[in-house]
């Protein structure tokens, strides 16, 4: 089976995303004291108090949501459903040759970030989150990781690409 340049590109983005995320998490787990109750025990300022590293083992999803679900529901909602969705998205981008390069990158980033976090849930029973931004109350994030950044960036690119396509089709009509 010969892979096209397009397929190689998709897999390179996915694998690079997973690798960067997993390497960062290995370093955090090895070097920063962590907790599982969503309260950090060690805070390492990277840029004052605006950008901080810590180690939180998140047993839920976004901002710990779902961490108090019963084990069966947690497996369904945080493992099985994401694996199915990621598989369908991967199948879609491999088959649909009309997807533009930015959207292709965005989808691959979402898939890579999703796989990285699912991997953590399977192997460790939680997802390692370690970055936090607080710009003096003007802008404040939850605690996140590189996989989360990849998924968020991919989604933002997809939204922008969607608006760009709508603008193009409106102006050509």
N, C-alpha and C. Protein backbone atom coordinates (compact mmCIF):
# COMPACT_ATOMS: atom_id res chain seq x y z
N UNK A 1 0.84 -1.18 0.00
CA UNK A 1 0.00 0.00 0.00
C UNK A 1 0.88 1.24 0.00
N UNK A 2 0.72 2.07 -1.01
CA UNK A 2 1.51 3.28 -1.12
C UNK A 2 0.74 4.46 -0.53
N UNK A 3 1.39 5.18 0.37
CA UNK A 3 0.76 6.35 0.97
C UNK A 3 1.02 7.58 0.12
N UNK A 4 0.01 8.39 -0.06
CA UNK A 4 0.18 9.64 -0.79
C UNK A 4 0.89 10.66 0.09
N UNK A 5 1.41 11.71 -0.54
CA UNK A 5 2.05 12.79 0.23
C UNK A 5 1.07 13.39 1.23
N UNK A 6 -0.16 13.48 0.82
CA UNK A 6 -1.21 14.03 1.67
C UNK A 6 -1.41 13.17 2.92
N UNK A 7 -1.47 11.85 2.75
CA UNK A 7 -1.63 10.94 3.89
C UNK A 7 -0.41 10.99 4.80
N UNK A 8 0.77 11.05 4.21
CA UNK A 8 2.00 11.15 5.01
C UNK A 8 1.96 12.43 5.84
N UNK A 9 1.53 13.54 5.22
CA UNK A 9 1.42 14.81 5.93
C UNK A 9 0.46 14.69 7.13
N UNK A 10 -0.69 14.08 6.90
CA UNK A 10 -1.69 13.90 7.97
C UNK A 10 -1.07 13.12 9.12
N UNK A 11 -0.42 11.99 8.82
CA UNK A 11 0.15 11.16 9.88
C UNK A 11 1.33 11.84 10.57
N UNK A 12 2.11 12.64 9.83
CA UNK A 12 3.22 13.37 10.46
C UNK A 12 2.70 14.40 11.47
N UNK A 13 1.63 15.11 11.11
CA UNK A 13 1.06 16.09 12.04
C UNK A 13 0.53 15.36 13.28
N UNK A 14 -0.19 14.27 13.07
CA UNK A 14 -0.75 13.52 14.20
C UNK A 14 0.36 12.99 15.10
N UNK A 15 1.35 12.34 14.51
CA UNK A 15 2.45 11.74 15.30
C UNK A 15 3.28 12.82 16.00
N UNK A 16 3.55 13.93 15.32
CA UNK A 16 4.30 15.03 15.95
C UNK A 16 3.56 15.60 17.15
N UNK A 17 2.26 15.75 16.99
CA UNK A 17 1.42 16.27 18.08
C UNK A 17 1.46 15.34 19.28
N UNK A 18 1.28 14.05 19.02
CA UNK A 18 1.30 13.06 20.11
C UNK A 18 2.68 13.05 20.78
N UNK A 19 3.74 13.05 19.97
CA UNK A 19 5.10 12.99 20.53
C UNK A 19 5.41 14.20 21.40
N UNK A 20 5.11 15.40 20.90
CA UNK A 20 5.38 16.62 21.69
C UNK A 20 4.61 16.59 23.01
N UNK A 21 3.35 16.18 22.94
CA UNK A 21 2.53 16.12 24.14
C UNK A 21 3.07 15.10 25.13
N UNK A 22 3.35 13.90 24.66
CA UNK A 22 3.80 12.84 25.57
C UNK A 22 5.18 13.13 26.17
N UNK A 23 6.07 13.71 25.39
CA UNK A 23 7.39 14.07 25.93
C UNK A 23 7.24 15.13 27.01
N UNK A 24 6.40 16.14 26.75
CA UNK A 24 6.20 17.19 27.76
C UNK A 24 5.61 16.61 29.04
N UNK A 25 4.66 15.67 28.91
CA UNK A 25 4.04 15.07 30.09
C UNK A 25 5.01 14.19 30.86
N UNK A 26 5.87 13.47 30.16
CA UNK A 26 6.90 12.65 30.82
C UNK A 26 7.80 13.55 31.66
N UNK A 27 8.21 14.67 31.09
CA UNK A 27 9.08 15.61 31.80
C UNK A 27 8.38 16.19 33.02
N UNK A 28 7.13 16.55 32.86
CA UNK A 28 6.37 17.12 33.98
C UNK A 28 6.19 16.09 35.09
N UNK A 29 5.78 14.88 34.73
CA UNK A 29 5.59 13.83 35.75
C UNK A 29 6.88 13.53 36.51
N UNK A 30 8.01 13.60 35.80
CA UNK A 30 9.30 13.27 36.41
C UNK A 30 9.86 14.40 37.27
N UNK A 31 9.46 15.65 36.99
CA UNK A 31 10.13 16.78 37.62
C UNK A 31 9.26 17.70 38.47
N UNK A 32 7.94 17.56 38.39
CA UNK A 32 7.07 18.45 39.16
C UNK A 32 6.14 17.60 40.02
N UNK A 33 6.12 17.90 41.30
CA UNK A 33 5.25 17.17 42.23
C UNK A 33 3.80 17.39 41.79
N UNK A 34 3.03 16.32 41.71
CA UNK A 34 1.67 16.42 41.22
C UNK A 34 0.63 15.96 42.22
N UNK A 35 -0.63 16.27 41.89
CA UNK A 35 -1.77 15.87 42.72
C UNK A 35 -2.90 15.43 41.82
N UNK A 36 -3.83 14.68 42.39
CA UNK A 36 -4.97 14.22 41.61
C UNK A 36 -6.28 14.91 42.00
N UNK A 37 -6.25 15.79 42.96
CA UNK A 37 -7.49 16.43 43.42
C UNK A 37 -7.71 17.80 42.79
N UNK A 38 -7.06 18.06 41.67
CA UNK A 38 -7.19 19.31 40.90
C UNK A 38 -6.67 20.54 41.65
N UNK A 39 -5.87 20.34 42.71
CA UNK A 39 -5.22 21.47 43.35
C UNK A 39 -3.71 21.25 43.25
N UNK A 40 -3.01 22.18 42.62
CA UNK A 40 -1.57 21.99 42.44
C UNK A 40 -0.81 22.11 43.75
N UNK A 41 0.24 21.31 43.88
CA UNK A 41 1.05 21.40 45.09
C UNK A 41 2.32 22.18 44.83
N UNK A 42 2.79 22.19 43.60
CA UNK A 42 4.01 22.91 43.26
C UNK A 42 3.74 23.79 42.05
N UNK A 43 4.05 25.08 42.16
CA UNK A 43 3.84 26.03 41.06
C UNK A 43 5.20 26.57 40.64
N UNK A 44 5.50 26.46 39.35
CA UNK A 44 6.77 26.95 38.81
C UNK A 44 6.46 28.11 37.87
N UNK A 45 6.79 29.34 38.28
CA UNK A 45 6.52 30.49 37.40
C UNK A 45 7.43 30.46 36.17
N UNK A 46 6.84 30.56 35.00
CA UNK A 46 7.62 30.65 33.76
C UNK A 46 7.76 32.10 33.34
N UNK A 47 6.67 32.86 33.46
CA UNK A 47 6.67 34.30 33.22
C UNK A 47 5.89 34.92 34.37
N UNK A 48 6.59 35.17 35.47
CA UNK A 48 5.93 35.69 36.67
C UNK A 48 4.77 34.81 37.07
N UNK A 49 3.67 35.44 37.50
CA UNK A 49 2.46 34.69 37.84
C UNK A 49 1.52 34.56 36.64
N UNK A 50 1.93 35.14 35.49
CA UNK A 50 1.07 35.12 34.31
C UNK A 50 1.07 33.77 33.60
N UNK A 51 2.20 33.09 33.62
CA UNK A 51 2.33 31.80 32.94
C UNK A 51 3.05 30.85 33.87
N UNK A 52 2.33 29.84 34.36
CA UNK A 52 2.83 28.99 35.44
C UNK A 52 2.74 27.52 35.02
N UNK A 53 3.73 26.73 35.47
CA UNK A 53 3.69 25.28 35.30
C UNK A 53 3.38 24.62 36.63
N UNK A 54 2.63 23.54 36.57
CA UNK A 54 2.30 22.74 37.74
C UNK A 54 1.97 21.34 37.24
N UNK A 55 1.62 20.43 38.10
CA UNK A 55 1.27 19.08 37.68
C UNK A 55 -0.03 18.67 38.33
N UNK A 56 -1.07 18.53 37.50
CA UNK A 56 -2.38 18.09 37.96
C UNK A 56 -2.73 16.83 37.18
N UNK A 57 -3.11 15.79 37.87
CA UNK A 57 -3.58 14.57 37.20
C UNK A 57 -5.11 14.65 37.16
N UNK A 58 -5.63 14.93 35.98
CA UNK A 58 -7.05 15.17 35.76
C UNK A 58 -7.75 13.87 35.38
N UNK A 59 -8.63 13.37 36.23
CA UNK A 59 -9.35 12.12 35.94
C UNK A 59 -10.61 12.35 35.11
N UNK A 60 -10.93 13.62 34.86
CA UNK A 60 -12.10 13.94 34.05
C UNK A 60 -11.68 14.46 32.69
N UNK A 61 -12.50 15.33 32.15
CA UNK A 61 -12.24 15.95 30.86
C UNK A 61 -11.90 17.42 31.11
N UNK A 62 -12.34 18.28 30.23
CA UNK A 62 -12.08 19.71 30.32
C UNK A 62 -12.40 20.25 31.71
N UNK A 63 -11.42 20.85 32.36
CA UNK A 63 -11.54 21.43 33.70
C UNK A 63 -12.04 20.43 34.75
N UNK A 64 -11.73 19.16 34.52
CA UNK A 64 -12.10 18.12 35.49
C UNK A 64 -13.53 17.64 35.38
N UNK A 65 -14.30 18.17 34.40
CA UNK A 65 -15.69 17.73 34.25
C UNK A 65 -15.74 16.23 33.98
N UNK A 66 -16.62 15.55 34.64
CA UNK A 66 -16.78 14.13 34.45
C UNK A 66 -15.94 13.28 35.38
N UNK A 67 -15.12 13.90 36.20
CA UNK A 67 -14.26 13.13 37.10
C UNK A 67 -15.07 12.42 38.19
N UNK A 68 -16.28 12.90 38.44
CA UNK A 68 -17.11 12.27 39.47
C UNK A 68 -18.15 11.31 38.89
N UNK A 69 -18.06 11.02 37.57
CA UNK A 69 -18.96 10.05 36.95
C UNK A 69 -18.65 8.64 37.44
N UNK A 70 -19.64 7.76 37.37
CA UNK A 70 -19.35 6.37 37.73
C UNK A 70 -18.40 5.79 36.68
N UNK A 71 -17.63 4.77 37.03
CA UNK A 71 -16.60 4.23 36.13
C UNK A 71 -17.09 3.82 34.75
N UNK A 72 -18.29 3.24 34.66
CA UNK A 72 -18.81 2.81 33.36
C UNK A 72 -19.08 4.00 32.46
N UNK A 73 -19.74 5.03 32.99
CA UNK A 73 -19.99 6.23 32.20
C UNK A 73 -18.70 6.92 31.80
N UNK A 74 -17.72 6.96 32.71
CA UNK A 74 -16.44 7.58 32.41
C UNK A 74 -15.75 6.86 31.25
N UNK A 75 -15.81 5.53 31.23
CA UNK A 75 -15.21 4.76 30.14
C UNK A 75 -15.92 5.07 28.82
N UNK A 76 -17.23 5.13 28.86
CA UNK A 76 -18.00 5.40 27.64
C UNK A 76 -17.73 6.82 27.13
N UNK A 77 -17.85 7.82 28.01
CA UNK A 77 -17.75 9.23 27.59
C UNK A 77 -16.32 9.73 27.39
N UNK A 78 -15.37 9.17 28.13
CA UNK A 78 -14.00 9.69 28.06
C UNK A 78 -13.03 8.79 27.29
N UNK A 79 -13.46 7.57 26.95
CA UNK A 79 -12.59 6.68 26.18
C UNK A 79 -13.25 6.19 24.88
N UNK A 80 -14.36 5.48 25.01
CA UNK A 80 -14.97 4.86 23.83
C UNK A 80 -15.47 5.91 22.83
N UNK A 81 -16.26 6.87 23.30
CA UNK A 81 -16.81 7.90 22.41
C UNK A 81 -15.70 8.71 21.72
N UNK A 82 -14.70 9.21 22.46
CA UNK A 82 -13.63 9.94 21.78
C UNK A 82 -12.88 9.09 20.74
N UNK A 83 -12.63 7.82 21.05
CA UNK A 83 -11.92 6.95 20.10
C UNK A 83 -12.75 6.80 18.82
N UNK A 84 -14.05 6.60 18.97
CA UNK A 84 -14.92 6.47 17.79
C UNK A 84 -14.93 7.76 16.96
N UNK A 85 -15.08 8.90 17.63
CA UNK A 85 -15.12 10.18 16.92
C UNK A 85 -13.79 10.44 16.21
N UNK A 86 -12.68 10.22 16.90
CA UNK A 86 -11.36 10.44 16.30
C UNK A 86 -11.16 9.53 15.09
N UNK A 87 -11.61 8.29 15.20
CA UNK A 87 -11.51 7.35 14.08
C UNK A 87 -12.32 7.81 12.88
N UNK A 88 -13.54 8.28 13.11
CA UNK A 88 -14.37 8.77 12.01
C UNK A 88 -13.78 10.02 11.37
N UNK A 89 -13.24 10.92 12.18
CA UNK A 89 -12.63 12.14 11.63
C UNK A 89 -11.41 11.77 10.79
N UNK A 90 -10.58 10.85 11.28
CA UNK A 90 -9.40 10.42 10.53
C UNK A 90 -9.82 9.79 9.20
N UNK A 91 -10.80 8.93 9.24
CA UNK A 91 -11.31 8.30 8.01
C UNK A 91 -11.79 9.37 7.03
N UNK A 92 -12.51 10.36 7.55
CA UNK A 92 -13.04 11.44 6.70
C UNK A 92 -11.92 12.22 6.02
N UNK A 93 -10.91 12.63 6.78
CA UNK A 93 -9.87 13.46 6.17
C UNK A 93 -8.97 12.66 5.22
N UNK A 94 -8.86 11.36 5.45
CA UNK A 94 -8.09 10.53 4.52
C UNK A 94 -8.83 10.33 3.20
N UNK A 95 -10.17 10.27 3.26
CA UNK A 95 -10.96 10.00 2.06
C UNK A 95 -11.35 11.26 1.27
N UNK A 96 -11.63 12.36 1.98
CA UNK A 96 -12.11 13.58 1.32
C UNK A 96 -10.93 14.39 0.81
N UNK A 97 -10.70 14.32 -0.49
CA UNK A 97 -9.54 14.99 -1.10
C UNK A 97 -9.79 16.48 -1.34
N UNK A 98 -10.99 16.98 -1.01
CA UNK A 98 -11.30 18.39 -1.25
C UNK A 98 -10.96 19.28 -0.05
N UNK A 99 -10.51 18.68 1.04
CA UNK A 99 -10.20 19.47 2.25
C UNK A 99 -8.93 20.28 2.00
N UNK A 100 -9.01 21.58 2.27
CA UNK A 100 -7.85 22.46 2.07
C UNK A 100 -6.76 22.17 3.09
N UNK A 101 -5.55 22.65 2.82
CA UNK A 101 -4.39 22.33 3.67
C UNK A 101 -4.53 22.82 5.11
N UNK A 102 -5.09 24.01 5.31
CA UNK A 102 -5.25 24.51 6.67
C UNK A 102 -6.21 23.64 7.46
N UNK A 103 -7.32 23.27 6.83
CA UNK A 103 -8.30 22.41 7.50
C UNK A 103 -7.72 21.03 7.76
N UNK A 104 -6.92 20.54 6.82
CA UNK A 104 -6.27 19.24 6.99
C UNK A 104 -5.35 19.27 8.21
N UNK A 105 -4.55 20.34 8.32
CA UNK A 105 -3.67 20.51 9.47
C UNK A 105 -4.48 20.58 10.76
N UNK A 106 -5.57 21.34 10.70
CA UNK A 106 -6.42 21.52 11.89
C UNK A 106 -7.03 20.20 12.34
N UNK A 107 -7.61 19.45 11.41
CA UNK A 107 -8.19 18.15 11.75
C UNK A 107 -7.14 17.21 12.32
N UNK A 108 -5.96 17.18 11.69
CA UNK A 108 -4.88 16.30 12.16
C UNK A 108 -4.41 16.72 13.56
N UNK A 109 -4.39 18.01 13.84
CA UNK A 109 -4.01 18.50 15.17
C UNK A 109 -5.03 18.08 16.22
N UNK A 110 -6.30 18.17 15.87
CA UNK A 110 -7.36 17.74 16.79
C UNK A 110 -7.23 16.24 17.05
N UNK A 111 -7.01 15.47 16.00
CA UNK A 111 -6.88 14.01 16.16
C UNK A 111 -5.66 13.68 17.02
N UNK A 112 -4.52 14.30 16.75
CA UNK A 112 -3.31 14.04 17.52
C UNK A 112 -3.48 14.39 18.99
N UNK A 113 -4.06 15.55 19.27
CA UNK A 113 -4.30 15.96 20.66
C UNK A 113 -5.29 15.03 21.35
N UNK A 114 -6.32 14.64 20.62
CA UNK A 114 -7.32 13.72 21.19
C UNK A 114 -6.71 12.36 21.51
N UNK A 115 -5.92 11.83 20.59
CA UNK A 115 -5.28 10.54 20.81
C UNK A 115 -4.33 10.62 22.01
N UNK A 116 -3.58 11.70 22.12
CA UNK A 116 -2.62 11.86 23.23
C UNK A 116 -3.33 11.83 24.58
N UNK A 117 -4.46 12.52 24.69
CA UNK A 117 -5.18 12.53 25.96
C UNK A 117 -5.88 11.19 26.23
N UNK A 118 -6.42 10.55 25.19
CA UNK A 118 -7.02 9.22 25.37
C UNK A 118 -5.95 8.23 25.82
N UNK A 119 -4.78 8.31 25.23
CA UNK A 119 -3.66 7.44 25.62
C UNK A 119 -3.39 7.58 27.12
N UNK A 120 -3.33 8.83 27.60
CA UNK A 120 -3.10 9.07 29.04
C UNK A 120 -4.18 8.40 29.89
N UNK A 121 -5.44 8.55 29.47
CA UNK A 121 -6.54 7.97 30.25
C UNK A 121 -6.42 6.44 30.31
N UNK A 122 -6.01 5.84 29.19
CA UNK A 122 -5.87 4.38 29.14
C UNK A 122 -4.68 3.92 29.98
N UNK A 123 -3.53 4.55 29.80
CA UNK A 123 -2.29 4.10 30.45
C UNK A 123 -2.19 4.54 31.91
N UNK A 124 -2.57 5.79 32.21
CA UNK A 124 -2.37 6.34 33.56
C UNK A 124 -3.66 6.49 34.36
N UNK A 125 -4.80 6.39 33.71
CA UNK A 125 -6.07 6.59 34.40
C UNK A 125 -6.42 8.05 34.60
N UNK A 126 -5.58 8.95 34.09
CA UNK A 126 -5.81 10.39 34.18
C UNK A 126 -5.00 11.08 33.11
N UNK A 127 -5.28 12.36 32.91
CA UNK A 127 -4.54 13.17 31.93
C UNK A 127 -3.69 14.17 32.71
N UNK A 128 -2.42 14.25 32.36
CA UNK A 128 -1.52 15.19 33.02
C UNK A 128 -1.70 16.57 32.41
N UNK A 129 -2.16 17.52 33.21
CA UNK A 129 -2.28 18.93 32.82
C UNK A 129 -1.23 19.71 33.58
N UNK A 130 -0.65 20.74 32.94
CA UNK A 130 0.47 21.40 33.62
C UNK A 130 0.70 22.86 33.29
N UNK A 131 -0.06 23.45 32.40
CA UNK A 131 0.14 24.86 32.06
C UNK A 131 -1.06 25.68 32.51
N UNK A 132 -0.79 26.90 32.96
CA UNK A 132 -1.84 27.78 33.45
C UNK A 132 -1.48 29.22 33.10
N UNK A 133 -2.45 29.95 32.56
CA UNK A 133 -2.24 31.35 32.20
C UNK A 133 -3.23 32.21 32.98
N UNK A 134 -2.71 33.28 33.59
CA UNK A 134 -3.57 34.26 34.28
C UNK A 134 -3.00 35.64 34.00
N UNK A 135 -3.67 36.38 33.13
CA UNK A 135 -3.22 37.72 32.77
C UNK A 135 -3.93 38.76 33.63
N UNK A 136 -3.73 38.64 34.94
CA UNK A 136 -4.28 39.61 35.88
C UNK A 136 -5.79 39.65 35.93
N UNK A 137 -6.43 38.53 35.68
CA UNK A 137 -7.89 38.49 35.74
C UNK A 137 -8.56 38.87 34.43
N UNK A 138 -7.82 39.50 33.50
CA UNK A 138 -8.38 39.87 32.20
C UNK A 138 -8.61 38.61 31.37
N UNK A 139 -7.66 37.71 31.43
CA UNK A 139 -7.74 36.43 30.72
C UNK A 139 -7.15 35.37 31.63
N UNK A 140 -7.91 34.31 31.85
CA UNK A 140 -7.47 33.24 32.74
C UNK A 140 -7.93 31.90 32.17
N UNK A 141 -7.01 30.93 32.14
CA UNK A 141 -7.36 29.61 31.62
C UNK A 141 -7.52 28.62 32.76
N UNK A 142 -8.04 27.46 32.41
CA UNK A 142 -7.94 26.31 33.31
C UNK A 142 -6.53 25.75 33.12
N UNK A 143 -6.21 24.70 33.83
CA UNK A 143 -4.90 24.07 33.68
C UNK A 143 -5.00 23.13 32.48
N UNK A 144 -4.02 23.21 31.57
CA UNK A 144 -4.10 22.48 30.31
C UNK A 144 -2.75 21.87 29.94
N UNK A 145 -2.71 21.17 28.81
CA UNK A 145 -1.48 20.55 28.33
C UNK A 145 -1.32 20.81 26.83
N UNK A 146 -0.26 20.27 26.23
CA UNK A 146 -0.02 20.51 24.81
C UNK A 146 -1.09 19.88 23.92
N UNK A 147 -1.63 18.72 24.32
CA UNK A 147 -2.70 18.10 23.55
C UNK A 147 -3.93 19.01 23.52
N UNK A 148 -4.25 19.61 24.66
CA UNK A 148 -5.38 20.55 24.73
C UNK A 148 -5.13 21.75 23.81
N UNK A 149 -3.89 22.25 23.82
CA UNK A 149 -3.55 23.38 22.94
C UNK A 149 -3.71 22.98 21.48
N UNK A 150 -3.31 21.78 21.14
CA UNK A 150 -3.42 21.29 19.77
C UNK A 150 -4.88 21.19 19.34
N UNK A 151 -5.72 20.63 20.19
CA UNK A 151 -7.15 20.52 19.89
C UNK A 151 -7.77 21.90 19.74
N UNK A 152 -7.46 22.80 20.67
CA UNK A 152 -8.03 24.16 20.63
C UNK A 152 -7.57 24.91 19.39
N UNK A 153 -6.28 24.84 19.09
CA UNK A 153 -5.75 25.52 17.90
C UNK A 153 -6.40 24.96 16.64
N UNK A 154 -6.52 23.64 16.57
CA UNK A 154 -7.16 23.01 15.42
C UNK A 154 -8.59 23.48 15.25
N UNK A 155 -9.33 23.56 16.34
CA UNK A 155 -10.72 24.00 16.27
C UNK A 155 -10.82 25.47 15.84
N UNK A 156 -9.93 26.31 16.33
CA UNK A 156 -9.93 27.72 15.92
C UNK A 156 -9.65 27.84 14.43
N UNK A 157 -8.67 27.08 13.93
CA UNK A 157 -8.35 27.10 12.50
C UNK A 157 -9.56 26.63 11.68
N UNK A 158 -10.24 25.59 12.15
CA UNK A 158 -11.42 25.09 11.43
C UNK A 158 -12.54 26.14 11.38
N UNK A 159 -12.74 26.86 12.47
CA UNK A 159 -13.76 27.91 12.48
C UNK A 159 -13.39 29.02 11.50
N UNK A 160 -12.13 29.44 11.52
CA UNK A 160 -11.67 30.50 10.60
C UNK A 160 -11.79 30.02 9.15
N UNK A 161 -11.37 28.78 8.90
CA UNK A 161 -11.47 28.23 7.54
C UNK A 161 -12.92 28.15 7.09
N UNK A 162 -13.81 27.80 8.00
CA UNK A 162 -15.23 27.71 7.68
C UNK A 162 -15.78 29.08 7.28
N UNK A 163 -15.42 30.12 8.04
CA UNK A 163 -15.88 31.47 7.70
C UNK A 163 -15.27 31.93 6.38
N UNK A 164 -14.02 31.58 6.13
CA UNK A 164 -13.37 31.96 4.88
C UNK A 164 -14.07 31.31 3.69
N UNK A 165 -14.44 30.05 3.82
CA UNK A 165 -15.15 29.35 2.74
C UNK A 165 -16.51 29.97 2.50
N UNK A 166 -17.22 30.32 3.58
CA UNK A 166 -18.55 30.93 3.43
C UNK A 166 -18.43 32.28 2.74
N UNK A 167 -17.37 33.03 3.09
CA UNK A 167 -17.16 34.34 2.48
C UNK A 167 -16.85 34.18 0.99
N UNK A 168 -16.04 33.17 0.64
CA UNK A 168 -15.71 32.90 -0.76
C UNK A 168 -16.95 32.53 -1.56
N UNK A 169 -17.77 31.64 -1.04
CA UNK A 169 -18.97 31.21 -1.77
C UNK A 169 -19.99 32.33 -1.89
N UNK A 170 -20.05 33.22 -0.88
CA UNK A 170 -20.97 34.36 -0.93
C UNK A 170 -20.52 35.35 -2.00
N UNK A 171 -19.21 35.59 -2.08
CA UNK A 171 -18.71 36.58 -3.04
C UNK A 171 -18.72 36.07 -4.47
N UNK A 172 -18.71 34.75 -4.69
CA UNK A 172 -18.75 34.21 -6.05
C UNK A 172 -20.16 34.09 -6.59
N UNK A 173 -21.16 34.17 -5.72
CA UNK A 173 -22.56 34.03 -6.16
C UNK A 173 -23.13 35.33 -6.59
